[in-house]
Amino acid sequence: MSAGSLNSETSLAALVDDRLPTPLYHQVYLVLRNKILSGDYGFDETVPGEQETTEMFGVSRITAKRALNELADGGFVKRERGRGTRVIYRAPTPPVEASVEGLLENLLTMGLETQVDLLSFDYVKPNTDITRILQCGDDCQVQRAVRVRRLEGEPFSFLTTYVPENIGRSYTRDDLASRPLLSLLERSGVVIGRAEQTITATLADAEVSQALGLELGSPLLSIRRIVFDQGETPVEYISALYRPDRYQYRMKLSRVGGGSSRSWSMAGD
């Protein structure tokens, strides 16, 4: 690492805090790991050694050593005497990209280009929230399915879908394991009209972290979507959790308006 690079990172001390319950060495580990995952430290590049890490983060040599050892134990770096600490992590695949424009078409394409593991498929009595979202009666049943999507064998999303029973009965477990849900809805005669979705962040629980190959509590991109037919009837609700290192959400913005009222707007709006 060059002296210029080191100087540009001296502010890293502000990213760790010994007043937090998380041990200092693990805080340093998380910062360095994120730099590797984001590509700031690429494959086979040298990362800061113990002395550099001590100076950059303002921590003890022992803390720096524990952080680097944790990176090595996690398969992110290799520590060699005489060569320093080098990155051995390779991003398995380029991240999946999705965009707001052409939302439903992009979802269908993603379903065709990825592989799926169907973890569960059954009919259940929905809770109050799902009943309200799908606008079904108190005694209704819905199809609930849990899937993990993969690209080139690597998991990137954990999907939980709810579909009204009368629509869900039109396809089988095997169908859902091999075809995108949107295409199955259309095959059943549903004419998709629009979708509403919200995007936020969450943390991986035990089930999701195991399915996506993550540590417990890892950050995830959370997308919740309601799909309506042309008659404004909800036909699907999905809760989708994505690995942020393998999934990117993209939108195009245009600068519109004039004077002090200028603002950003989605391209095409």
Protein backbone atom coordinates (compact mmCIF):
# COMPACT_ATOMS: atom_id res chain seq x y z
CA MET A 1 0.00 0.00 0.00
CA SER A 2 1.41 3.40 -0.97
CA ALA A 3 2.06 6.23 1.47
CA GLY A 4 -0.57 8.32 -0.32
CA SER A 5 -3.13 5.56 0.13
CA LEU A 6 -2.29 5.28 3.81
CA ASN A 7 -2.63 9.04 4.33
CA SER A 8 -6.04 9.03 2.68
CA GLU A 9 -7.29 6.48 5.23
CA THR A 10 -6.12 8.06 8.47
CA SER A 11 -9.74 9.07 9.23
CA LEU A 12 -10.67 5.39 9.74
CA ALA A 13 -10.20 5.90 13.47
CA ALA A 14 -13.55 7.70 13.44
CA LEU A 15 -15.25 4.45 12.35
CA VAL A 16 -14.49 2.55 15.57
CA ASP A 17 -15.61 3.38 19.09
CA ASP A 18 -14.48 1.62 22.27
CA ARG A 19 -17.74 2.69 23.96
CA LEU A 20 -19.74 0.30 21.78
CA PRO A 21 -20.53 -3.24 23.03
CA THR A 22 -18.89 -4.76 19.93
CA PRO A 23 -15.19 -5.49 20.61
CA LEU A 24 -12.77 -3.07 18.93
CA TYR A 25 -11.02 -5.83 16.99
CA HIS A 26 -14.34 -6.89 15.46
CA GLN A 27 -15.20 -3.30 14.54
CA VAL A 28 -11.85 -3.01 12.71
CA TYR A 29 -12.48 -6.38 11.06
CA LEU A 30 -15.88 -5.22 9.80
CA VAL A 31 -14.46 -2.04 8.25
CA LEU A 32 -11.65 -3.93 6.50
CA ARG A 33 -14.01 -6.69 5.37
CA ASN A 34 -16.38 -4.14 3.84
CA LYS A 35 -13.46 -2.59 1.96
CA ILE A 36 -12.64 -6.00 0.53
CA LEU A 37 -16.26 -6.75 -0.39
CA SER A 38 -16.65 -3.34 -2.04
CA GLY A 39 -13.49 -3.80 -4.08
CA ASP A 40 -11.42 -1.09 -2.38
CA TYR A 41 -8.92 -3.86 -1.70
CA GLY A 42 -8.93 -6.12 -4.76
CA PHE A 43 -7.84 -9.71 -5.18
CA ASP A 44 -4.13 -10.25 -4.43
CA GLU A 45 -3.67 -6.67 -3.19
CA THR A 46 -1.87 -6.03 0.07
CA VAL A 47 -4.02 -4.73 2.90
CA PRO A 48 -2.62 -2.75 5.86
CA GLY A 49 -0.40 -4.80 8.15
CA GLU A 50 -0.53 -4.78 11.92
CA GLN A 51 1.44 -1.55 12.34
CA GLU A 52 -0.50 0.30 9.62
CA THR A 53 -3.83 -0.92 11.01
CA THR A 54 -2.79 0.23 14.47
CA GLU A 55 -2.05 3.73 13.15
CA MET A 56 -5.07 3.97 10.85
CA PHE A 57 -7.62 3.00 13.49
CA GLY A 58 -5.84 4.30 16.58
CA VAL A 59 -5.98 0.89 18.27
CA SER A 60 -3.44 -1.34 19.98
CA ARG A 61 -1.19 -3.74 18.09
CA ILE A 62 -3.00 -6.67 19.72
CA THR A 63 -6.38 -5.36 18.50
CA ALA A 64 -5.02 -4.92 14.96
CA LYS A 65 -3.59 -8.44 14.98
CA ARG A 66 -6.89 -9.97 16.13
CA ALA A 67 -8.79 -8.09 13.40
CA LEU A 68 -6.40 -9.31 10.67
CA ASN A 69 -6.50 -12.86 12.04
CA GLU A 70 -10.31 -12.76 11.89
CA LEU A 71 -10.10 -11.67 8.25
CA ALA A 72 -7.80 -14.63 7.58
CA ASP A 73 -10.09 -17.06 9.43
CA GLY A 74 -13.01 -15.80 7.31
CA GLY A 75 -11.20 -16.54 4.07
CA PHE A 76 -10.78 -12.90 3.06
CA VAL A 77 -6.98 -12.60 3.35
CA LYS A 78 -3.88 -14.73 3.66
CA ARG A 79 -1.13 -13.69 6.06
CA GLU A 80 2.40 -14.66 5.02
CA ARG A 81 5.67 -13.74 6.63
CA GLY A 82 7.66 -11.57 4.24
CA ARG A 83 4.70 -10.93 1.90
CA GLY A 84 2.33 -9.24 4.29
CA THR A 85 -1.45 -9.67 4.32
CA ARG A 86 -2.95 -10.17 0.88
CA VAL A 87 -6.55 -10.42 -0.29
CA ILE A 88 -7.59 -13.91 -1.42
CA TYR A 89 -11.33 -13.20 -1.62
CA ARG A 90 -12.81 -13.17 -5.12
CA ALA A 91 -16.35 -11.95 -5.71
CA PRO A 92 -17.99 -15.11 -7.08
CA THR A 93 -20.12 -13.38 -9.70
CA PRO A 94 -20.89 -9.83 -10.81
CA PRO A 95 -23.82 -8.48 -8.80
CA VAL A 96 -27.29 -8.90 -10.23
CA GLU A 97 -28.67 -5.58 -11.45
CA ALA A 98 -32.33 -4.57 -11.42
CA SER A 99 -33.94 -1.28 -12.30
CA VAL A 100 -37.14 0.57 -11.53
CA GLU A 101 -37.82 1.14 -15.21
CA GLY A 102 -39.59 -1.88 -16.69
CA LEU A 103 -39.98 -3.36 -13.20
CA LEU A 104 -42.16 -6.35 -14.03
CA GLU A 105 -40.23 -7.20 -17.21
CA ASN A 106 -36.96 -7.12 -15.27
CA LEU A 107 -38.38 -9.44 -12.64
CA LEU A 108 -39.44 -11.93 -15.29
CA THR A 109 -36.01 -11.82 -16.94
CA MET A 110 -34.30 -12.34 -13.60
CA GLY A 111 -36.45 -15.40 -12.97
CA LEU A 112 -35.45 -16.89 -16.32
CA GLU A 113 -31.72 -16.24 -15.87
CA THR A 114 -31.29 -17.53 -12.30
CA GLN A 115 -31.67 -20.86 -10.53
CA VAL A 116 -34.01 -21.48 -7.61
CA ASP A 117 -34.06 -23.67 -4.52
CA LEU A 118 -37.64 -24.15 -3.31
CA LEU A 119 -37.41 -24.46 0.47
CA SER A 120 -41.12 -24.69 1.28
CA PHE A 121 -44.48 -24.71 -0.51
CA ASP A 122 -47.80 -25.01 1.30
CA TYR A 123 -51.19 -23.45 1.96
CA VAL A 124 -51.63 -21.56 5.20
CA LYS A 125 -54.03 -19.28 7.01
CA PRO A 126 -52.42 -15.83 6.62
CA ASN A 127 -51.71 -13.47 9.49
CA THR A 128 -53.52 -10.14 9.81
CA ASP A 129 -51.01 -8.21 7.70
CA ILE A 130 -51.10 -10.64 4.77
CA THR A 131 -54.91 -10.82 4.95
CA ARG A 132 -55.06 -7.03 4.69
CA ILE A 133 -52.50 -6.83 1.86
CA LEU A 134 -54.16 -9.52 -0.27
CA GLN A 135 -57.64 -8.24 0.65
CA CYS A 136 -58.96 -11.71 1.45
CA GLY A 137 -61.47 -12.73 4.11
CA ASP A 138 -60.66 -13.80 7.64
CA ASP A 139 -61.17 -17.47 6.75
CA CYS A 140 -59.09 -17.44 3.55
CA GLN A 141 -56.03 -19.53 2.78
CA VAL A 142 -53.01 -18.46 0.75
CA GLN A 143 -50.16 -20.25 -0.92
CA ARG A 144 -46.89 -19.51 0.88
CA ALA A 145 -43.59 -20.38 -0.77
CA VAL A 146 -40.00 -19.75 0.29
CA ARG A 147 -37.26 -19.75 -2.33
CA VAL A 148 -33.56 -18.96 -2.61
CA ARG A 149 -32.41 -17.61 -5.95
CA ARG A 150 -28.89 -18.27 -7.23
CA LEU A 151 -26.77 -16.88 -10.03
CA GLU A 152 -24.02 -19.20 -11.26
CA GLY A 153 -24.59 -21.30 -8.17
CA GLU A 154 -24.17 -18.45 -5.66
CA PRO A 155 -27.19 -17.43 -3.51
CA PHE A 156 -28.24 -13.79 -3.67
CA SER A 157 -31.91 -13.59 -2.60
CA PHE A 158 -34.30 -15.11 -0.08
CA LEU A 159 -37.90 -14.82 -1.28
CA THR A 160 -41.15 -15.40 0.61
CA THR A 161 -44.29 -15.15 -1.55
CA TYR A 162 -48.00 -15.21 -0.78
CA VAL A 163 -50.59 -15.85 -3.49
CA PRO A 164 -54.39 -16.20 -3.12
CA GLU A 165 -55.38 -19.86 -2.99
CA ASN A 166 -57.57 -19.76 -6.10
CA ILE A 167 -54.58 -18.61 -8.16
CA GLY A 168 -52.00 -20.78 -6.42
CA ARG A 169 -53.94 -23.97 -7.18
CA SER A 170 -53.32 -23.37 -10.91
CA TYR A 171 -49.67 -24.47 -10.66
CA THR A 172 -47.67 -27.04 -8.74
CA ARG A 173 -44.63 -27.10 -6.51
CA ASP A 174 -42.58 -28.40 -9.44
CA ASP A 175 -43.81 -25.54 -11.61
CA LEU A 176 -42.64 -22.96 -9.08
CA ALA A 177 -39.28 -24.68 -8.76
CA SER A 178 -38.64 -24.35 -12.47
CA ARG A 179 -40.48 -21.24 -13.72
CA PRO A 180 -40.75 -17.58 -12.64
CA LEU A 181 -43.81 -16.88 -10.52
CA LEU A 182 -44.89 -14.01 -12.78
CA SER A 183 -45.07 -16.33 -15.78
CA LEU A 184 -47.13 -18.83 -13.75
CA LEU A 185 -49.56 -16.08 -12.75
CA GLU A 186 -49.96 -15.05 -16.38
CA ARG A 187 -50.41 -18.67 -17.43
CA SER A 188 -53.26 -18.96 -14.94
CA GLY A 189 -55.06 -16.12 -16.71
CA VAL A 190 -53.99 -13.23 -14.48
CA VAL A 191 -53.37 -10.02 -16.42
CA ILE A 192 -50.77 -8.07 -14.47
CA GLY A 193 -51.54 -4.39 -14.17
CA ARG A 194 -49.03 -2.79 -11.81
CA ALA A 195 -46.94 -3.24 -8.68
CA GLU A 196 -46.19 -1.25 -5.55
CA GLN A 197 -42.99 -1.77 -3.64
CA THR A 198 -40.96 -0.43 -0.75
CA ILE A 199 -37.20 -0.69 -0.30
CA THR A 200 -35.46 -0.64 3.07
CA ALA A 201 -32.70 -2.42 4.96
CA THR A 202 -32.74 -5.20 7.53
CA LEU A 203 -30.49 -7.77 9.21
CA ALA A 204 -30.22 -11.47 8.46
CA ASP A 205 -31.81 -13.78 11.02
CA ALA A 206 -30.66 -17.36 11.60
CA GLU A 207 -32.71 -18.90 8.78
CA VAL A 208 -31.82 -16.29 6.17
CA SER A 209 -28.14 -16.07 7.09
CA GLN A 210 -27.77 -19.83 6.66
CA ALA A 211 -29.63 -19.84 3.34
CA LEU A 212 -27.58 -16.97 1.89
CA GLY A 213 -24.23 -17.99 3.34
CA LEU A 214 -23.93 -14.95 5.61
CA GLU A 215 -23.04 -14.22 9.20
CA LEU A 216 -25.95 -13.79 11.58
CA GLY A 217 -26.97 -10.12 11.63
CA SER A 218 -25.46 -9.28 8.23
CA PRO A 219 -27.08 -6.31 6.43
CA LEU A 220 -29.61 -7.08 3.71
CA LEU A 221 -31.57 -5.11 1.15
CA SER A 222 -35.27 -5.66 1.85
CA ILE A 223 -37.87 -5.22 -0.92
CA ARG A 224 -41.57 -5.76 -0.34
CA ARG A 225 -43.83 -5.79 -3.36
CA ILE A 226 -47.57 -6.09 -3.99
CA VAL A 227 -48.59 -7.09 -7.53
CA PHE A 228 -52.07 -6.16 -8.79
CA ASP A 229 -54.04 -7.36 -11.79
CA GLN A 230 -55.71 -4.93 -14.17
CA GLY A 231 -58.80 -4.93 -11.97
CA GLU A 232 -56.73 -3.64 -9.03
CA THR A 233 -56.99 -6.95 -7.15
CA PRO A 234 -53.81 -8.04 -5.33
CA VAL A 235 -52.53 -11.30 -6.84
CA GLU A 236 -49.13 -11.62 -5.13
CA TYR A 237 -47.23 -10.31 -2.14
CA ILE A 238 -43.50 -10.90 -1.90
CA SER A 239 -40.93 -10.19 0.78
CA ALA A 240 -37.50 -10.33 -0.86
CA LEU A 241 -34.18 -10.16 0.99
CA TYR A 242 -31.04 -9.56 -1.07
CA ARG A 243 -27.32 -9.80 -0.37
CA PRO A 244 -26.07 -6.24 -1.03
CA ASP A 245 -22.76 -7.55 -2.40
CA ARG A 246 -24.60 -9.56 -5.06
CA TYR A 247 -27.57 -7.39 -5.92
CA GLN A 248 -27.80 -3.77 -7.03
CA TYR A 249 -30.89 -1.66 -7.53
CA ARG A 250 -30.53 0.97 -10.22
CA MET A 251 -32.65 3.91 -11.31
CA LYS A 252 -32.19 6.71 -13.81
CA LEU A 253 -32.92 10.27 -12.68
CA SER A 254 -33.47 13.46 -14.66
CA ARG A 255 -33.16 17.02 -13.41
CA VAL A 256 -36.53 18.74 -13.97
CA GLY A 257 -38.24 22.02 -13.19
CA GLY A 258 -36.82 25.50 -13.12
CA GLY A 259 -35.26 27.94 -10.69
CA SER A 260 -35.59 27.07 -7.01
CA SER A 261 -38.16 24.35 -7.82
CA ARG A 262 -35.72 22.13 -9.72
CA SER A 263 -35.71 18.56 -8.47
CA TRP A 264 -34.76 15.00 -9.40
CA SER A 265 -37.35 12.84 -11.14
CA MET A 266 -37.22 9.28 -12.42
CA ALA A 267 -36.37 9.27 -16.12
CA GLY A 268 -39.52 8.96 -18.18
CA ASP A 269 -41.84 10.34 -15.44
